[in-house]
Each structure stands twice: as C-alpha cells, then as structure tokens.
C-alpha atoms as a PDB file:
ATOM      1  CA  MET A   1     -73.276 -11.898 -42.756  1.00  0.00           C
ATOM      2  CA  SER A   2     -72.308 -14.492 -40.189  1.00  0.00           C
ATOM      3  CA  LEU A   3     -73.945 -14.499 -36.779  1.00  0.00           C
ATOM      4  CA  VAL A   4     -70.884 -16.023 -35.129  1.00  0.00           C
ATOM      5  CA  THR A   5     -67.371 -14.869 -35.894  1.00  0.00           C
ATOM      6  CA  PRO A   6     -64.650 -17.505 -36.254  1.00  0.00           C
ATOM      7  CA  LEU A   7     -62.902 -16.149 -33.159  1.00  0.00           C
ATOM      8  CA  ALA A   8     -66.063 -16.441 -31.068  1.00  0.00           C
ATOM      9  CA  PHE A   9     -66.624 -19.966 -32.394  1.00  0.00           C
ATOM     10  CA  VAL A  10     -63.096 -21.086 -31.469  1.00  0.00           C
ATOM     11  CA  LEU A  11     -63.278 -19.464 -28.031  1.00  0.00           C
ATOM     12  CA  GLY A  12     -66.691 -20.971 -27.317  1.00  0.00           C
ATOM     13  CA  LEU A  13     -65.669 -24.482 -28.304  1.00  0.00           C
ATOM     14  CA  SER A  14     -62.427 -24.099 -26.342  1.00  0.00           C
ATOM     15  CA  ALA A  15     -64.426 -23.225 -23.237  1.00  0.00           C
ATOM     16  CA  LEU A  16     -66.646 -26.267 -23.793  1.00  0.00           C
ATOM     17  CA  GLY A  17     -63.577 -28.447 -24.287  1.00  0.00           C
ATOM     18  CA  ALA A  18     -62.035 -27.146 -21.076  1.00  0.00           C
ATOM     19  CA  GLY A  19     -65.251 -27.909 -19.222  1.00  0.00           C
ATOM     20  CA  PHE A  20     -65.437 -31.436 -20.601  1.00  0.00           C
ATOM     21  CA  THR A  21     -61.791 -31.945 -19.713  1.00  0.00           C
ATOM     22  CA  MET A  22     -62.421 -31.030 -16.088  1.00  0.00           C
ATOM     23  CA  VAL A  23     -65.213 -33.599 -15.876  1.00  0.00           C
ATOM     24  CA  ALA A  24     -62.306 -36.018 -15.450  1.00  0.00           C
ATOM     25  CA  ALA A  25     -62.103 -34.770 -11.859  1.00  0.00           C
ATOM     26  CA  ILE A  26     -65.296 -36.674 -11.069  1.00  0.00           C
ATOM     27  CA  GLY A  27     -63.763 -39.977 -12.111  1.00  0.00           C
ATOM     28  CA  ILE A  28     -60.558 -39.221 -10.260  1.00  0.00           C
ATOM     29  CA  GLY A  29     -62.408 -38.456  -7.046  1.00  0.00           C
ATOM     30  CA  LEU A  30     -64.493 -41.600  -7.301  1.00  0.00           C
ATOM     31  CA  GLY A  31     -61.485 -43.769  -8.087  1.00  0.00           C
ATOM     32  CA  GLN A  32     -59.360 -42.424  -5.267  1.00  0.00           C
ATOM     33  CA  GLY A  33     -62.204 -42.758  -2.791  1.00  0.00           C
ATOM     34  CA  PHE A  34     -62.808 -46.334  -3.876  1.00  0.00           C
ATOM     35  CA  ALA A  35     -59.093 -47.155  -3.555  1.00  0.00           C
ATOM     36  CA  ALA A  36     -58.890 -45.616  -0.092  1.00  0.00           C
ATOM     37  CA  GLY A  37     -61.966 -47.548   1.025  1.00  0.00           C
ATOM     38  CA  LYS A  38     -60.531 -50.827  -0.213  1.00  0.00           C
ATOM     39  CA  ALA A  39     -57.231 -50.052   1.525  1.00  0.00           C
ATOM     40  CA  VAL A  40     -59.062 -49.508   4.803  1.00  0.00           C
ATOM     41  CA  GLU A  41     -60.846 -52.824   4.310  1.00  0.00           C
ATOM     42  CA  GLY A  42     -57.525 -54.525   3.637  1.00  0.00           C
ATOM     43  CA  VAL A  43     -55.925 -53.066   6.756  1.00  0.00           C
ATOM     44  CA  ALA A  44     -58.957 -54.095   8.800  1.00  0.00           C
ATOM     45  CA  ARG A  45     -58.586 -57.675   7.586  1.00  0.00           C
ATOM     46  CA  GLN A  46     -54.808 -57.882   7.893  1.00  0.00           C
ATOM     47  CA  PRO A  47     -53.389 -55.217  10.217  1.00  0.00           C
ATOM     48  CA  GLU A  48     -49.884 -56.676   9.905  1.00  0.00           C
ATOM     49  CA  ALA A  49     -49.848 -55.795   6.165  1.00  0.00           C
ATOM     50  CA  LYS A  50     -50.635 -52.129   6.820  1.00  0.00           C
ATOM     51  CA  GLY A  51     -47.348 -50.799   5.428  1.00  0.00           C
ATOM     52  CA  ASP A  52     -47.572 -52.690   2.150  1.00  0.00           C
ATOM     53  CA  ILE A  53     -51.239 -51.835   1.647  1.00  0.00           C
ATOM     54  CA  LEU A  54     -50.763 -48.124   2.308  1.00  0.00           C
ATOM     55  CA  GLN A  55     -47.679 -47.950   0.105  1.00  0.00           C
ATOM     56  CA  THR A  56     -49.505 -49.569  -2.800  1.00  0.00           C
ATOM     57  CA  MET A  57     -52.546 -47.354  -2.266  1.00  0.00           C
ATOM     58  CA  LEU A  58     -50.476 -44.152  -2.239  1.00  0.00           C
ATOM     59  CA  VAL A  59     -48.638 -45.093  -5.439  1.00  0.00           C
ATOM     60  CA  GLY A  60     -51.956 -45.873  -7.120  1.00  0.00           C
ATOM     61  CA  GLN A  61     -53.486 -42.616  -5.992  1.00  0.00           C
ATOM     62  CA  ALA A  62     -50.466 -40.668  -7.191  1.00  0.00           C
ATOM     63  CA  VAL A  63     -50.822 -42.247 -10.637  1.00  0.00           C
ATOM     64  CA  ALA A  64     -54.550 -41.460 -10.647  1.00  0.00           C
ATOM     65  CA  GLU A  65     -53.895 -37.864  -9.626  1.00  0.00           C
ATOM     66  CA  THR A  66     -51.642 -37.306 -12.645  1.00  0.00           C
ATOM     67  CA  THR A  67     -54.743 -37.670 -14.811  1.00  0.00           C
ATOM     68  CA  GLY A  68     -56.313 -34.746 -12.985  1.00  0.00           C
ATOM     69  CA  ILE A  69     -53.182 -32.656 -13.347  1.00  0.00           C
ATOM     70  CA  PHE A  70     -53.052 -33.360 -17.091  1.00  0.00           C
ATOM     71  CA  ALA A  71     -56.738 -32.440 -17.405  1.00  0.00           C
ATOM     72  CA  LEU A  72     -56.129 -29.179 -15.546  1.00  0.00           C
ATOM     73  CA  ILE A  73     -53.172 -28.308 -17.783  1.00  0.00           C
ATOM     74  CA  ILE A  74     -55.168 -28.994 -20.952  1.00  0.00           C
ATOM     75  CA  ALA A  75     -58.066 -26.876 -19.671  1.00  0.00           C
ATOM     76  CA  MET A  76     -55.738 -23.998 -18.802  1.00  0.00           C
ATOM     77  CA  VAL A  77     -54.049 -24.157 -22.204  1.00  0.00           C
ATOM     78  CA  LEU A  78     -57.422 -24.095 -23.968  1.00  0.00           C
ATOM     79  CA  LEU A  79     -58.578 -21.120 -21.910  1.00  0.00           C
ATOM     80  CA  PHE A  80     -55.446 -18.970 -21.592  1.00  0.00           C
ATOM     81  CA  ALA A  81     -52.930 -20.012 -24.274  1.00  0.00           C
ATOM     82  CA  ASN A  82     -55.229 -21.254 -27.004  1.00  0.00           C
ATOM     83  CA  PRO A  83     -53.182 -22.615 -29.919  1.00  0.00           C
ATOM     84  CA  PHE A  84     -56.189 -22.584 -32.250  1.00  0.00           C
ATOM     85  CA  ILE A  85     -56.555 -18.794 -32.319  1.00  0.00           C
ATOM     86  CA  SER A  86     -53.337 -18.417 -34.301  1.00  0.00           C
ATOM     87  CA  GLN A  87     -54.828 -20.683 -37.021  1.00  0.00           C
ATOM     88  CA  LEU A  88     -57.523 -18.105 -37.820  1.00  0.00           C
ATOM     89  CA  SER A  89     -56.826 -15.856 -40.782  1.00  0.00           C
END
C-alpha cells in the first residue's frame, strides 16, 4: 500500500514547481530596480539625454517584465490546468 497516491504526488510537485517559478519575481524586481537606479544616475549626469535614457530604460524593463509574465503563466498552468494529471492511468 502506497502512502502517497500518484495524483497527490503530481499535485504536490506541481505546487512546488509553481512556487519555484514565482521565485523569478525576486530577480525581476531586483533587475528593474537596478535599471531604474542607473537611469536616474544617467539623467543626473547628463540631463540633456533624458529622453534617450528613459526610452532605453523603459524598453529594457518591458523585456524584463515579460519574464515575470511567463513565470506567472507557467505557475497558473501548473496549478489550474495541469497537463501532467492526464498522464496518470
């Protein structure tokens, strides 16, 4: 007799995977904060380049934010539309 059913095992590991996936939010927050800080430093040094610096910073932050959106989608799929449950017999 097994202590853990296959369904419980898959659901438990899926929850762990979703949690690990959302750890990516820490890196995203740190990276965007660092980029914003460097942009402020750049504007402080060269105020006439404000438009170019802010444009580049916003594009970079948008690219970084897509990582967080992908992580959120993967976590939601693992929690609510788990493709591994259908593999159980």
